[in-house]
Protein backbone atom coordinates (compact mmCIF):
# COMPACT_ATOMS: atom_id res chain seq x y z
CA MET A 1 103.28 49.40 200.40
CA SER A 2 100.05 50.68 199.99
CA LYS A 3 98.19 53.14 202.16
CA ILE A 4 94.74 54.07 203.26
CA GLY A 5 93.74 57.76 203.19
CA LEU A 6 90.72 59.76 203.93
CA GLN A 7 89.23 62.66 201.44
CA LEU A 8 88.39 65.10 204.30
CA TYR A 9 85.30 66.26 202.48
CA SER A 10 83.90 63.26 203.79
CA LEU A 11 83.96 65.67 207.21
CA LYS A 12 83.44 68.86 205.64
CA GLU A 13 80.93 69.88 208.56
CA LEU A 14 83.36 69.30 211.32
CA ALA A 15 86.45 70.72 209.10
CA GLN A 16 84.65 73.65 208.66
CA LYS A 17 84.10 73.98 212.20
CA ASP A 18 87.54 72.87 213.59
CA PHE A 19 90.33 72.18 210.50
CA LEU A 20 92.80 71.34 212.55
CA GLY A 21 91.06 69.27 215.20
CA THR A 22 89.37 67.31 212.61
CA VAL A 23 92.96 66.55 210.84
CA GLU A 24 93.91 64.76 214.55
CA LYS A 25 90.80 63.06 214.73
CA VAL A 26 91.16 60.86 211.48
CA ALA A 27 94.99 60.40 212.46
CA LYS A 28 93.77 59.38 215.68
CA ILE A 29 91.10 56.68 214.24
CA GLY A 30 94.38 55.16 212.35
CA TYR A 31 94.08 56.58 208.74
CA ASP A 32 97.73 56.79 207.00
CA GLY A 33 96.85 59.86 205.32
CA ILE A 34 94.38 62.87 204.43
CA GLU A 35 93.06 64.15 200.93
CA PHE A 36 92.28 67.81 201.44
CA ALA A 37 89.41 69.72 199.85
CA GLY A 38 90.55 73.41 200.84
CA PHE A 39 92.78 74.60 203.75
CA PHE A 40 90.31 76.91 205.36
CA ASP A 41 93.02 79.72 205.43
CA VAL A 42 95.24 77.54 207.52
CA SER A 43 99.06 78.15 206.77
CA SER A 44 100.88 75.53 205.31
CA LYS A 45 103.68 75.74 208.23
CA GLU A 46 100.80 75.31 210.56
CA LEU A 47 99.02 72.54 208.88
CA LYS A 48 102.58 70.54 208.41
CA LYS A 49 103.17 70.85 212.07
CA VAL A 50 99.91 69.29 212.86
CA LEU A 51 100.24 66.77 210.33
CA ASP A 52 104.01 65.61 211.93
CA ASP A 53 102.78 65.72 215.27
CA ASN A 54 100.22 63.34 214.74
CA GLY A 55 101.88 61.00 212.46
CA ILE A 56 99.68 61.22 209.45
CA SER A 57 100.60 62.43 205.63
CA ALA A 58 99.19 64.67 202.90
CA CYS A 59 98.03 62.06 200.26
CA GLY A 60 96.51 64.51 197.95
CA SER A 61 94.57 67.95 197.61
CA HIS A 62 91.81 68.52 195.47
CA THR A 63 91.88 71.68 193.91
CA ASN A 64 89.27 74.11 192.07
CA ILE A 65 89.89 74.33 188.42
CA ASN A 66 90.27 78.31 188.92
CA LEU A 67 92.76 78.33 191.39
CA LEU A 68 94.96 75.44 188.80
CA ILE A 69 94.38 78.03 185.83
CA ASN A 70 94.89 81.18 187.94
CA ASP A 71 97.19 80.76 190.74
CA LEU A 72 98.98 77.63 190.16
CA ASP A 73 102.36 78.61 191.62
CA ASN A 74 101.13 79.19 195.02
CA VAL A 75 99.05 75.69 194.81
CA ILE A 76 102.12 74.20 194.18
CA GLN A 77 104.42 75.86 196.70
CA TYR A 78 101.58 75.29 199.31
CA ASN A 79 101.36 71.37 198.50
CA LEU A 80 105.55 71.31 198.44
CA GLU A 81 105.39 73.09 202.28
CA ILE A 82 102.72 70.21 203.48
CA GLY A 83 104.75 67.76 201.80
CA ASN A 84 101.88 66.71 199.50
CA GLN A 85 102.74 65.01 196.03
CA TYR A 86 99.50 64.77 194.39
CA ILE A 87 97.33 67.90 193.11
CA ILE A 88 94.11 66.62 191.89
CA CYS A 89 91.19 68.35 189.88
CA PRO A 90 87.90 67.32 191.34
CA GLY A 91 85.62 68.52 188.50
CA LEU A 92 84.82 70.99 185.69
CA PRO A 93 82.36 73.45 184.82
CA GLU A 94 80.02 72.27 181.84
CA HIS A 95 81.71 74.53 179.27
CA MET A 96 85.09 72.51 179.55
CA ARG A 97 83.34 69.23 179.24
CA ASN A 98 80.17 69.51 177.01
CA SER A 99 81.72 68.16 173.76
CA ALA A 100 84.43 66.22 172.14
CA ASP A 101 86.32 69.11 171.68
CA ALA A 102 85.68 71.13 174.73
CA TRP A 103 87.47 67.89 176.39
CA LYS A 104 90.37 68.14 173.94
CA LYS A 105 91.29 71.41 175.06
CA THR A 106 90.77 70.81 178.60
CA ALA A 107 93.07 67.93 178.01
CA GLU A 108 95.44 70.35 176.60
CA LEU A 109 95.24 72.28 179.84
CA PHE A 110 95.61 69.57 181.71
CA ASN A 111 99.26 68.65 180.18
CA GLU A 112 100.24 71.98 180.60
CA ILE A 113 99.39 72.11 184.41
CA GLY A 114 100.75 68.58 184.93
CA ALA A 115 103.97 69.70 183.37
CA LYS A 116 104.48 72.47 185.57
CA CYS A 117 103.48 70.24 188.46
CA LYS A 118 106.03 67.66 187.10
CA ASP A 119 108.58 70.47 187.15
CA HIS A 120 108.32 70.48 191.19
CA ASN A 121 108.25 66.60 191.41
CA LEU A 122 104.61 66.73 191.76
CA GLN A 123 101.62 64.78 190.27
CA PHE A 124 98.70 66.24 188.84
CA GLY A 125 95.58 64.55 188.32
CA TYR A 126 91.73 64.05 187.78
CA HIS A 127 88.84 63.08 189.72
CA ASN A 128 85.62 61.77 188.09
CA HIS A 129 82.08 61.85 188.62
CA ALA A 130 79.29 60.70 186.65
CA ILE A 131 79.05 63.21 184.28
CA GLU A 132 82.44 62.29 182.42
CA PHE A 133 80.67 59.06 181.10
CA ASN A 134 78.36 61.19 178.62
CA MET A 135 79.26 60.21 175.30
CA PHE A 136 80.44 62.61 172.49
CA ASP A 137 81.19 61.26 169.06
CA GLY A 138 80.95 57.93 170.20
CA LYS A 139 83.22 58.23 173.33
CA TYR A 140 83.07 58.82 176.97
CA GLY A 141 84.30 62.37 177.93
CA TYR A 142 86.39 60.56 180.25
CA ASP A 143 88.01 58.33 177.42
CA ILE A 144 88.67 61.62 175.26
CA LEU A 145 90.24 63.36 178.17
CA ALA A 146 92.56 60.33 178.92
CA GLU A 147 93.28 59.70 175.22
CA ASN A 148 94.48 63.39 174.94
CA THR A 149 96.55 63.71 178.09
CA VAL A 150 100.12 62.48 178.81
CA PRO A 151 99.96 59.49 181.00
CA TYR A 152 102.73 60.64 183.01
CA LEU A 153 101.53 64.18 183.40
CA VAL A 154 98.00 63.61 184.38
CA CYS A 155 96.94 60.76 186.40
CA LEU A 156 93.61 59.21 187.13
CA GLU A 157 91.83 59.13 190.45
CA ILE A 158 89.06 56.81 189.38
CA ASP A 159 86.05 57.19 191.94
CA THR A 160 84.65 53.89 191.96
CA PHE A 161 81.13 55.01 193.17
CA TRP A 162 80.69 57.26 190.61
CA VAL A 163 82.00 54.71 187.76
CA GLU A 164 79.06 52.34 189.08
CA TYR A 165 76.88 55.13 189.07
CA ALA A 166 77.18 55.46 185.61
CA GLY A 167 76.14 51.96 185.14
CA LEU A 168 79.95 51.09 184.35
CA LYS A 169 82.68 48.80 186.08
CA SER A 170 85.55 50.50 187.90
CA VAL A 171 87.85 47.31 187.16
CA ASP A 172 87.09 48.16 183.45
CA PHE A 173 88.49 51.45 183.82
CA MET A 174 91.22 50.23 185.79
CA ASN A 175 92.18 47.59 182.98
CA LYS A 176 92.06 50.41 180.33
CA TYR A 177 94.49 52.99 182.10
CA PRO A 178 96.80 50.70 184.54
CA ASP A 179 99.79 52.91 184.07
CA ARG A 180 97.70 55.98 185.73
CA LEU A 181 96.47 55.19 188.84
CA PRO A 182 98.56 55.92 191.83
CA LEU A 183 95.24 56.83 193.89
CA LEU A 184 91.87 55.62 193.92
CA HIS A 185 88.66 56.70 195.57
CA ILE A 186 87.27 53.93 197.40
CA LYS A 187 83.37 54.85 197.57
CA GLU A 188 80.71 52.09 198.51
CA MET A 189 77.25 51.99 196.91
CA LYS A 190 74.64 50.78 199.10
CA SER A 191 72.69 48.91 196.49
CA LEU A 192 71.66 49.40 192.77
CA THR A 193 68.31 50.80 193.62
CA GLU A 194 69.61 53.27 196.34
CA LYS A 195 72.61 54.59 194.84
CA VAL A 196 73.74 56.27 197.74
CA ASN A 197 77.29 55.89 200.06
CA THR A 198 77.47 53.43 202.99
CA GLU A 199 80.78 52.23 204.71
CA ILE A 200 82.93 50.38 202.80
CA GLY A 201 81.89 46.65 202.77
CA LYS A 202 78.44 46.95 203.51
CA GLY A 203 77.01 47.94 200.12
CA VAL A 204 77.21 46.16 196.56
CA MET A 205 80.67 46.83 195.15
CA ASN A 206 83.25 44.45 194.89
CA PHE A 207 86.32 46.02 196.52
CA LYS A 208 88.35 42.81 196.85
CA GLU A 209 88.51 42.80 193.02
CA ILE A 210 89.41 46.58 193.02
CA ILE A 211 91.95 46.30 195.50
CA ALA A 212 93.34 43.34 193.95
CA LEU A 213 93.84 45.30 190.51
CA GLY A 214 95.39 48.32 192.38
CA LYS A 215 97.96 46.12 193.93
CA LYS A 216 98.73 44.68 190.21
CA TYR A 217 98.90 48.29 189.14
CA GLY A 218 100.92 49.87 191.38
CA THR A 219 98.15 51.88 193.23
CA LYS A 220 99.97 53.88 196.55
CA TRP A 221 96.78 55.32 198.20
CA TYR A 222 93.41 53.78 198.57
CA ILE A 223 91.28 57.07 199.33
CA VAL A 224 88.04 56.40 201.30
CA GLU A 225 85.33 58.83 200.73
CA GLN A 226 81.82 59.17 201.92
CA GLU A 227 79.30 62.03 201.56
CA TYR A 228 76.17 60.22 202.81
CA PHE A 229 75.88 59.00 206.42
CA GLU A 230 73.29 56.69 208.10
CA ILE A 231 75.45 56.52 211.46
CA PRO A 232 77.79 58.76 213.06
CA GLN A 233 80.72 60.30 210.68
CA LEU A 234 83.52 59.20 212.82
CA GLN A 235 82.46 55.63 213.17
CA SER A 236 81.27 55.15 209.86
CA ILE A 237 85.07 56.43 208.44
CA GLU A 238 86.42 53.98 211.19
CA GLU A 239 84.50 51.42 210.18
CA SER A 240 85.52 51.65 206.49
CA LEU A 241 89.24 51.90 207.67
CA VAL A 242 88.96 48.39 209.66
CA TYR A 243 87.27 46.60 206.74
CA LEU A 244 89.68 48.16 203.87
CA ARG A 245 92.79 46.94 206.42
CA GLY A 246 91.35 43.73 206.34
CA ILE A 247 91.59 43.52 202.55
CA ILE A 248 94.83 45.17 201.53
């Protein structure tokens, strides 16, 4: 059964002030899981207790590429201790994505990271922005990465907003990589002329179609993320949750 998570970067200001208190607030609103974007020096034991006490799961962790390269053993151990299955790279420095060869070298690295994660029954993956849809040798960087990574070692956490921001369609990439979608980022676009986030269901994206494809392809977590707010943040994430519950 599919579940709904929140990328905690959505509440980054609140999390910086009170990380564990923000986790509790997200749980009380009714989300099934939290995808983390840093742990604010909180121990895995302390975080796991708060997750368990509030009946909410870890559904992912966005982890900086430098940590993945230089401290992967500790990253894996921490995520195992909080019960998180998905370790996701949320972006890359320019030199790792500025040519076809750079994307191929990054893919080799991702296969290595993914294999080490798989050894511990964890899933590694990549989260896109819009920059991945620059063209190199007639192909999107995103496709070069996908074609040169092993599907079961590197999943693709498609960020729906950023695909559409680039002028493309999320569903086209979902159909292209159907076996690589355990996680989807559900992020709404206010309008085609005002390309900013808004609450799910208040914008121009066809989430009914996206969710239907997610169900078809076995997506386990639909993860809400929002970076721009016109109403109070906690109210916003609750409205998005209510809308998603109505279509899943």
